[in-house]
Amino acid sequence: MSGQALYSLTRSTTLRERALVALRTAIITGQYRPGDHLGEVEIAEHLSVSRGTVREALRHLQQEGLVTPGARGMLRVSQLTPTEVRELFQVREALEGLALAQIIASPRRKEAADALRQALRKLQDAFASGADLAKKVEADLGFHLLLCEQSGNSVLLKTWRQLEGPMRVVIMSAAGEGRESAMSASAHEPIADAITRGDAAAAQEILHAHMRSAIERLGIEPEGARETA
């Protein structure tokens, strides 16, 4: 990947933060692909920072789940197996299901539903304007992030955010048009509708169907299919 593909280093305050922003953005926008080797020397030259600064940034990204050690300790962009992707969605569903239950039980349910409908409009605008995939993913995950925020549960929100990086990599690296239909506003609207009605049972069923459909549209193999390391 060329140095120009990395994010501009003018938007942070310290060299470490600059390198972290540049590398994270390159990964979550698909400029670095799952399995790509992340060489300290090459990255340091591109960003005009020391190898130590790059090493610190990569260590942080490893904690976020975006980077994993490969053969001989070389760091690579995380590459999840189909089983790991399914597990990721299962955990997301559990967290977002709890968020739905807490929102519907809250006296702020109407305000939460209104906020989610605003997020839906942003998602719809991203598709209508022909935005690039990264912006569509941002709007898609923004809806789900807001769902967790509206629960008022800080531990739930913190846990969900730990899944955000790997989820972005999964979506950005998926092939085909199915991923876009899974991110559309129409695919999310029934969730907001169920919250508006205060129908907790329907909300859980809709969320389960949404997650199952997303896995299928991302092209993830059925459970039990043979996987390669």
C-alpha atoms as a PDB file:
ATOM      1  CA  MET A   1       0.000   0.000   0.000  1.00  0.00           C
ATOM      2  CA  SER A   2       1.308   3.457  -0.855  1.00  0.00           C
ATOM      3  CA  GLY A   3       2.009   6.096   1.746  1.00  0.00           C
ATOM      4  CA  GLN A   4      -0.717   8.292   0.253  1.00  0.00           C
ATOM      5  CA  ALA A   5      -3.339   5.754   1.342  1.00  0.00           C
ATOM      6  CA  LEU A   6      -2.631   6.416   4.992  1.00  0.00           C
ATOM      7  CA  TYR A   7      -4.697   8.981   6.819  1.00  0.00           C
ATOM      8  CA  SER A   8      -3.285  12.504   7.123  1.00  0.00           C
ATOM      9  CA  LEU A   9      -1.168  13.037  10.244  1.00  0.00           C
ATOM     10  CA  THR A  10      -2.397  16.577  10.818  1.00  0.00           C
ATOM     11  CA  ARG A  11      -5.482  15.715  12.880  1.00  0.00           C
ATOM     12  CA  SER A  12      -4.045  14.561  16.188  1.00  0.00           C
ATOM     13  CA  THR A  13      -1.879  16.075  18.891  1.00  0.00           C
ATOM     14  CA  THR A  14       0.953  13.609  19.488  1.00  0.00           C
ATOM     15  CA  LEU A  15       3.011  11.442  17.165  1.00  0.00           C
ATOM     16  CA  ARG A  16       1.645   8.286  18.783  1.00  0.00           C
ATOM     17  CA  GLU A  17      -1.952   9.482  18.353  1.00  0.00           C
ATOM     18  CA  ARG A  18      -1.243  10.482  14.782  1.00  0.00           C
ATOM     19  CA  ALA A  19       0.180   7.084  13.935  1.00  0.00           C
ATOM     20  CA  LEU A  20      -2.714   5.375  15.732  1.00  0.00           C
ATOM     21  CA  VAL A  21      -5.347   7.359  13.813  1.00  0.00           C
ATOM     22  CA  ALA A  22      -3.566   6.749  10.500  1.00  0.00           C
ATOM     23  CA  LEU A  23      -3.237   2.995  11.001  1.00  0.00           C
ATOM     24  CA  ARG A  24      -6.713   2.489  12.439  1.00  0.00           C
ATOM     25  CA  THR A  25      -8.279   4.373   9.533  1.00  0.00           C
ATOM     26  CA  ALA A  26      -6.241   2.454   6.962  1.00  0.00           C
ATOM     27  CA  ILE A  27      -7.472  -0.824   8.472  1.00  0.00           C
ATOM     28  CA  ILE A  28     -11.146  -0.008   8.961  1.00  0.00           C
ATOM     29  CA  THR A  29     -11.476   1.524   5.490  1.00  0.00           C
ATOM     30  CA  GLY A  30      -9.983  -1.547   3.854  1.00  0.00           C
ATOM     31  CA  GLN A  31      -6.718   0.041   2.709  1.00  0.00           C
ATOM     32  CA  TYR A  32      -5.032  -2.690   4.688  1.00  0.00           C
ATOM     33  CA  ARG A  33      -6.834  -5.994   4.161  1.00  0.00           C
ATOM     34  CA  PRO A  34      -7.347  -8.836   6.650  1.00  0.00           C
ATOM     35  CA  GLY A  35      -4.141 -10.868   6.816  1.00  0.00           C
ATOM     36  CA  ASP A  36      -1.917  -8.049   5.508  1.00  0.00           C
ATOM     37  CA  HIS A  37       1.469  -7.823   7.197  1.00  0.00           C
ATOM     38  CA  LEU A  38       2.104  -4.572   9.080  1.00  0.00           C
ATOM     39  CA  GLY A  39       5.815  -3.869   8.858  1.00  0.00           C
ATOM     40  CA  GLU A  40       7.130  -1.344  11.364  1.00  0.00           C
ATOM     41  CA  VAL A  41       9.905  -0.082   9.083  1.00  0.00           C
ATOM     42  CA  GLU A  42       7.636   0.512   6.093  1.00  0.00           C
ATOM     43  CA  ILE A  43       4.934   2.216   8.165  1.00  0.00           C
ATOM     44  CA  ALA A  44       7.454   4.381  10.022  1.00  0.00           C
ATOM     45  CA  GLU A  45       8.866   5.583   6.705  1.00  0.00           C
ATOM     46  CA  HIS A  46       5.413   6.362   5.305  1.00  0.00           C
ATOM     47  CA  LEU A  47       4.375   8.305   8.411  1.00  0.00           C
ATOM     48  CA  SER A  48       7.773   9.890   9.100  1.00  0.00           C
ATOM     49  CA  VAL A  49       7.794   8.668  12.702  1.00  0.00           C
ATOM     50  CA  SER A  50      10.032   6.324  14.667  1.00  0.00           C
ATOM     51  CA  ARG A  51       9.597   2.564  14.747  1.00  0.00           C
ATOM     52  CA  GLY A  52       8.934   2.881  18.468  1.00  0.00           C
ATOM     53  CA  THR A  53       5.989   5.173  17.803  1.00  0.00           C
ATOM     54  CA  VAL A  54       4.610   2.724  15.252  1.00  0.00           C
ATOM     55  CA  ARG A  55       5.141  -0.151  17.681  1.00  0.00           C
ATOM     56  CA  GLU A  56       3.110   1.642  20.361  1.00  0.00           C
ATOM     57  CA  ALA A  57       0.296   2.339  17.913  1.00  0.00           C
ATOM     58  CA  LEU A  58       0.243  -1.275  16.758  1.00  0.00           C
ATOM     59  CA  ARG A  59       0.146  -2.477  20.363  1.00  0.00           C
ATOM     60  CA  HIS A  60      -2.936  -0.322  20.958  1.00  0.00           C
ATOM     61  CA  LEU A  61      -4.603  -1.677  17.815  1.00  0.00           C
ATOM     62  CA  GLN A  62      -3.880  -5.189  19.020  1.00  0.00           C
ATOM     63  CA  GLN A  63      -5.827  -4.389  22.190  1.00  0.00           C
ATOM     64  CA  GLU A  64      -8.706  -3.156  20.000  1.00  0.00           C
ATOM     65  CA  GLY A  65      -8.738  -6.462  18.138  1.00  0.00           C
ATOM     66  CA  LEU A  66      -7.734  -4.952  14.801  1.00  0.00           C
ATOM     67  CA  VAL A  67      -4.235  -6.447  14.779  1.00  0.00           C
ATOM     68  CA  THR A  68      -3.045  -9.937  15.701  1.00  0.00           C
ATOM     69  CA  PRO A  69       0.376 -11.635  15.784  1.00  0.00           C
ATOM     70  CA  GLY A  70       1.052 -14.009  12.918  1.00  0.00           C
ATOM     71  CA  ALA A  71       3.928 -16.340  12.070  1.00  0.00           C
ATOM     72  CA  ARG A  72       7.204 -15.507  13.840  1.00  0.00           C
ATOM     73  CA  GLY A  73       5.439 -12.780  15.790  1.00  0.00           C
ATOM     74  CA  MET A  74       4.807 -10.544  12.767  1.00  0.00           C
ATOM     75  CA  LEU A  75       1.719  -8.396  13.231  1.00  0.00           C
ATOM     76  CA  ARG A  76      -1.079  -8.636  10.694  1.00  0.00           C
ATOM     77  CA  VAL A  77      -4.538  -7.169  10.236  1.00  0.00           C
ATOM     78  CA  SER A  78      -6.952  -9.440  12.083  1.00  0.00           C
ATOM     79  CA  GLN A  79      -8.629 -12.077   9.935  1.00  0.00           C
ATOM     80  CA  LEU A  80     -11.620 -13.735  11.558  1.00  0.00           C
ATOM     81  CA  THR A  81     -12.764 -17.218  10.666  1.00  0.00           C
ATOM     82  CA  PRO A  82     -16.451 -17.778   9.823  1.00  0.00           C
ATOM     83  CA  THR A  83     -16.932 -19.232  13.311  1.00  0.00           C
ATOM     84  CA  GLU A  84     -15.395 -16.145  14.913  1.00  0.00           C
ATOM     85  CA  VAL A  85     -17.606 -13.874  12.813  1.00  0.00           C
ATOM     86  CA  ARG A  86     -20.712 -15.782  13.890  1.00  0.00           C
ATOM     87  CA  GLU A  87     -19.583 -15.538  17.520  1.00  0.00           C
ATOM     88  CA  LEU A  88     -18.992 -11.814  17.091  1.00  0.00           C
ATOM     89  CA  PHE A  89     -22.551 -11.354  15.871  1.00  0.00           C
ATOM     90  CA  GLN A  90     -23.885 -13.545  18.688  1.00  0.00           C
ATOM     91  CA  VAL A  91     -22.237 -11.324  21.292  1.00  0.00           C
ATOM     92  CA  ARG A  92     -23.457  -8.207  19.506  1.00  0.00           C
ATOM     93  CA  GLU A  93     -26.991  -9.580  19.502  1.00  0.00           C
ATOM     94  CA  ALA A  94     -26.815 -10.319  23.233  1.00  0.00           C
ATOM     95  CA  LEU A  95     -25.582  -6.810  24.021  1.00  0.00           C
ATOM     96  CA  GLU A  96     -28.008  -5.035  21.724  1.00  0.00           C
ATOM     97  CA  GLY A  97     -30.853  -7.240  22.921  1.00  0.00           C
ATOM     98  CA  LEU A  98     -30.129  -6.100  26.478  1.00  0.00           C
ATOM     99  CA  ALA A  99     -30.000  -2.503  25.251  1.00  0.00           C
ATOM    100  CA  LEU A 100     -33.428  -2.930  23.625  1.00  0.00           C
ATOM    101  CA  ALA A 101     -34.907  -4.390  26.809  1.00  0.00           C
ATOM    102  CA  GLN A 102     -33.564  -1.545  28.918  1.00  0.00           C
ATOM    103  CA  ILE A 103     -34.704   1.138  26.488  1.00  0.00           C
ATOM    104  CA  ILE A 104     -38.227  -0.260  26.278  1.00  0.00           C
ATOM    105  CA  ALA A 105     -38.428  -0.484  30.076  1.00  0.00           C
ATOM    106  CA  SER A 106     -37.189   3.094  30.430  1.00  0.00           C
ATOM    107  CA  PRO A 107     -39.379   6.199  30.785  1.00  0.00           C
ATOM    108  CA  ARG A 108     -37.148   7.689  28.042  1.00  0.00           C
ATOM    109  CA  ARG A 109     -38.350   5.163  25.478  1.00  0.00           C
ATOM    110  CA  LYS A 110     -39.978   7.765  23.213  1.00  0.00           C
ATOM    111  CA  GLU A 111     -36.901  10.001  23.255  1.00  0.00           C
ATOM    112  CA  ALA A 112     -34.699   7.006  22.449  1.00  0.00           C
ATOM    113  CA  ALA A 113     -36.926   6.011  19.522  1.00  0.00           C
ATOM    114  CA  ASP A 114     -36.812   9.579  18.165  1.00  0.00           C
ATOM    115  CA  ALA A 115     -32.997   9.622  18.410  1.00  0.00           C
ATOM    116  CA  LEU A 116     -32.772   6.299  16.583  1.00  0.00           C
ATOM    117  CA  ARG A 117     -35.010   7.622  13.804  1.00  0.00           C
ATOM    118  CA  GLN A 118     -32.585  10.517  13.356  1.00  0.00           C
ATOM    119  CA  ALA A 119     -29.799   7.954  13.012  1.00  0.00           C
ATOM    120  CA  LEU A 120     -31.925   6.152  10.420  1.00  0.00           C
ATOM    121  CA  ARG A 121     -32.190   9.358   8.412  1.00  0.00           C
ATOM    122  CA  LYS A 122     -28.403   9.688   8.432  1.00  0.00           C
ATOM    123  CA  LEU A 123     -28.149   6.112   7.228  1.00  0.00           C
ATOM    124  CA  GLN A 124     -30.696   6.751   4.487  1.00  0.00           C
ATOM    125  CA  ASP A 125     -28.826   9.904   3.440  1.00  0.00           C
ATOM    126  CA  ALA A 126     -25.540   7.980   3.210  1.00  0.00           C
ATOM    127  CA  PHE A 127     -27.101   5.613   0.677  1.00  0.00           C
ATOM    128  CA  ALA A 128     -29.069   8.274  -1.207  1.00  0.00           C
ATOM    129  CA  SER A 129     -26.001  10.480  -1.641  1.00  0.00           C
ATOM    130  CA  GLY A 130     -23.893   7.667  -3.059  1.00  0.00           C
ATOM    131  CA  ALA A 131     -21.420   7.837  -0.156  1.00  0.00           C
ATOM    132  CA  ASP A 132     -18.490   5.447  -0.181  1.00  0.00           C
ATOM    133  CA  LEU A 133     -18.601   2.159   1.706  1.00  0.00           C
ATOM    134  CA  ALA A 134     -16.674   3.481   4.708  1.00  0.00           C
ATOM    135  CA  LYS A 135     -19.287   6.205   5.297  1.00  0.00           C
ATOM    136  CA  LYS A 136     -22.135   3.708   4.927  1.00  0.00           C
ATOM    137  CA  VAL A 137     -20.478   1.440   7.487  1.00  0.00           C
ATOM    138  CA  GLU A 138     -20.041   4.450   9.780  1.00  0.00           C
ATOM    139  CA  ALA A 139     -23.751   5.284   9.538  1.00  0.00           C
ATOM    140  CA  ASP A 140     -24.764   1.631   9.986  1.00  0.00           C
ATOM    141  CA  LEU A 141     -22.674   1.059  13.093  1.00  0.00           C
ATOM    142  CA  GLY A 142     -23.634   4.539  14.302  1.00  0.00           C
ATOM    143  CA  PHE A 143     -27.233   3.334  14.594  1.00  0.00           C
ATOM    144  CA  HIS A 144     -26.205   0.319  16.659  1.00  0.00           C
ATOM    145  CA  LEU A 145     -23.839   2.409  18.798  1.00  0.00           C
ATOM    146  CA  LEU A 146     -26.657   4.843  19.530  1.00  0.00           C
ATOM    147  CA  LEU A 147     -28.902   1.927  20.455  1.00  0.00           C
ATOM    148  CA  CYS A 148     -26.380   0.918  23.118  1.00  0.00           C
ATOM    149  CA  GLU A 149     -25.897   4.511  24.270  1.00  0.00           C
ATOM    150  CA  GLN A 150     -29.647   4.961  24.716  1.00  0.00           C
ATOM    151  CA  SER A 151     -29.718   1.994  27.103  1.00  0.00           C
ATOM    152  CA  GLY A 152     -27.911   4.115  29.691  1.00  0.00           C
ATOM    153  CA  ASN A 153     -25.759   1.105  30.580  1.00  0.00           C
ATOM    154  CA  SER A 154     -22.114   2.227  30.550  1.00  0.00           C
ATOM    155  CA  VAL A 155     -20.658  -1.282  30.862  1.00  0.00           C
ATOM    156  CA  LEU A 156     -22.807  -2.525  27.986  1.00  0.00           C
ATOM    157  CA  LEU A 157     -21.648   0.401  25.851  1.00  0.00           C
ATOM    158  CA  LYS A 158     -17.982  -0.135  26.720  1.00  0.00           C
ATOM    159  CA  THR A 159     -18.241  -3.827  25.890  1.00  0.00           C
ATOM    160  CA  TRP A 160     -19.949  -3.144  22.555  1.00  0.00           C
ATOM    161  CA  ARG A 161     -17.257  -0.675  21.570  1.00  0.00           C
ATOM    162  CA  GLN A 162     -14.649  -3.394  22.012  1.00  0.00           C
ATOM    163  CA  LEU A 163     -16.371  -5.262  19.167  1.00  0.00           C
ATOM    164  CA  GLU A 164     -16.598  -2.224  16.897  1.00  0.00           C
ATOM    165  CA  GLY A 165     -13.130  -2.476  15.337  1.00  0.00           C
ATOM    166  CA  PRO A 166     -13.330  -6.156  14.342  1.00  0.00           C
ATOM    167  CA  MET A 167     -16.890  -5.597  13.091  1.00  0.00           C
ATOM    168  CA  ARG A 168     -15.725  -2.816  10.774  1.00  0.00           C
ATOM    169  CA  VAL A 169     -12.996  -5.059   9.358  1.00  0.00           C
ATOM    170  CA  VAL A 170     -15.511  -7.873   8.766  1.00  0.00           C
ATOM    171  CA  ILE A 171     -17.935  -5.610   6.916  1.00  0.00           C
ATOM    172  CA  MET A 172     -15.302  -3.768   4.872  1.00  0.00           C
ATOM    173  CA  SER A 173     -13.664  -7.012   3.753  1.00  0.00           C
ATOM    174  CA  ALA A 174     -16.916  -8.783   2.800  1.00  0.00           C
ATOM    175  CA  ALA A 175     -17.538  -9.296  -0.896  1.00  0.00           C
ATOM    176  CA  GLY A 176     -20.655  -8.663  -2.948  1.00  0.00           C
ATOM    177  CA  GLU A 177     -23.659  -6.362  -2.717  1.00  0.00           C
ATOM    178  CA  GLY A 178     -25.357  -8.228   0.119  1.00  0.00           C
ATOM    179  CA  ARG A 179     -23.531  -6.284   2.800  1.00  0.00           C
ATOM    180  CA  GLU A 180     -25.089  -3.024   1.583  1.00  0.00           C
ATOM    181  CA  SER A 181     -28.641  -4.341   1.801  1.00  0.00           C
ATOM    182  CA  ALA A 182     -27.867  -5.467   5.352  1.00  0.00           C
ATOM    183  CA  MET A 183     -26.843  -1.901   6.209  1.00  0.00           C
ATOM    184  CA  SER A 184     -29.826  -0.141   4.614  1.00  0.00           C
ATOM    185  CA  ALA A 185     -32.189   2.038   6.631  1.00  0.00           C
ATOM    186  CA  SER A 186     -35.092  -0.275   5.771  1.00  0.00           C
ATOM    187  CA  ALA A 187     -33.237  -3.169   7.428  1.00  0.00           C
ATOM    188  CA  HIS A 188     -33.030  -1.178  10.678  1.00  0.00           C
ATOM    189  CA  GLU A 189     -36.381   0.610  10.731  1.00  0.00           C
ATOM    190  CA  PRO A 190     -38.347  -2.310  12.282  1.00  0.00           C
ATOM    191  CA  ILE A 191     -36.100  -2.059  15.360  1.00  0.00           C
ATOM    192  CA  ALA A 192     -37.061   1.579  15.906  1.00  0.00           C
ATOM    193  CA  ASP A 193     -40.723   0.711  15.225  1.00  0.00           C
ATOM    194  CA  ALA A 194     -40.720  -1.972  17.931  1.00  0.00           C
ATOM    195  CA  ILE A 195     -39.216   0.472  20.424  1.00  0.00           C
ATOM    196  CA  THR A 196     -41.867   3.059  19.551  1.00  0.00           C
ATOM    197  CA  ARG A 197     -44.598   0.459  20.200  1.00  0.00           C
ATOM    198  CA  GLY A 198     -42.893  -0.707  23.402  1.00  0.00           C
ATOM    199  CA  ASP A 199     -43.046  -4.285  22.123  1.00  0.00           C
ATOM    200  CA  ALA A 200     -40.081  -5.973  23.828  1.00  0.00           C
ATOM    201  CA  ALA A 201     -40.762  -9.461  22.440  1.00  0.00           C
ATOM    202  CA  ALA A 202     -41.026  -8.224  18.863  1.00  0.00           C
ATOM    203  CA  ALA A 203     -37.898  -6.108  19.279  1.00  0.00           C
ATOM    204  CA  GLN A 204     -35.873  -9.168  20.267  1.00  0.00           C
ATOM    205  CA  GLU A 205     -37.237 -11.222  17.364  1.00  0.00           C
ATOM    206  CA  ILE A 206     -36.501  -8.415  14.902  1.00  0.00           C
ATOM    207  CA  LEU A 207     -32.965  -7.979  16.210  1.00  0.00           C
ATOM    208  CA  HIS A 208     -32.311 -11.726  15.940  1.00  0.00           C
ATOM    209  CA  ALA A 209     -33.581 -11.776  12.354  1.00  0.00           C
ATOM    210  CA  HIS A 210     -31.502  -8.692  11.545  1.00  0.00           C
ATOM    211  CA  MET A 211     -28.282 -10.257  12.843  1.00  0.00           C
ATOM    212  CA  ARG A 212     -28.975 -13.590  11.132  1.00  0.00           C
ATOM    213  CA  SER A 213     -29.684 -11.824   7.850  1.00  0.00           C
ATOM    214  CA  ALA A 214     -26.526  -9.727   8.167  1.00  0.00           C
ATOM    215  CA  ILE A 215     -24.388 -12.853   8.583  1.00  0.00           C
ATOM    216  CA  GLU A 216     -25.945 -14.422   5.497  1.00  0.00           C
ATOM    217  CA  ARG A 217     -25.569 -11.276   3.389  1.00  0.00           C
ATOM    218  CA  LEU A 218     -21.930 -10.931   4.403  1.00  0.00           C
ATOM    219  CA  GLY A 219     -21.364 -14.349   2.839  1.00  0.00           C
ATOM    220  CA  ILE A 220     -20.424 -16.152   6.051  1.00  0.00           C
ATOM    221  CA  GLU A 221     -20.426 -19.930   5.689  1.00  0.00           C
ATOM    222  CA  PRO A 222     -23.154 -21.905   7.480  1.00  0.00           C
ATOM    223  CA  GLU A 223     -22.191 -23.310  10.858  1.00  0.00           C
ATOM    224  CA  GLY A 224     -20.464 -26.652  10.471  1.00  0.00           C
ATOM    225  CA  ALA A 225     -18.932 -25.844   7.104  1.00  0.00           C
ATOM    226  CA  ARG A 226     -15.272 -26.686   6.763  1.00  0.00           C
ATOM    227  CA  GLU A 227     -12.969 -23.818   7.687  1.00  0.00           C
ATOM    228  CA  THR A 228      -9.351 -23.202   6.872  1.00  0.00           C
ATOM    229  CA  ALA A 229      -6.891 -21.641   9.253  1.00  0.00           C
END
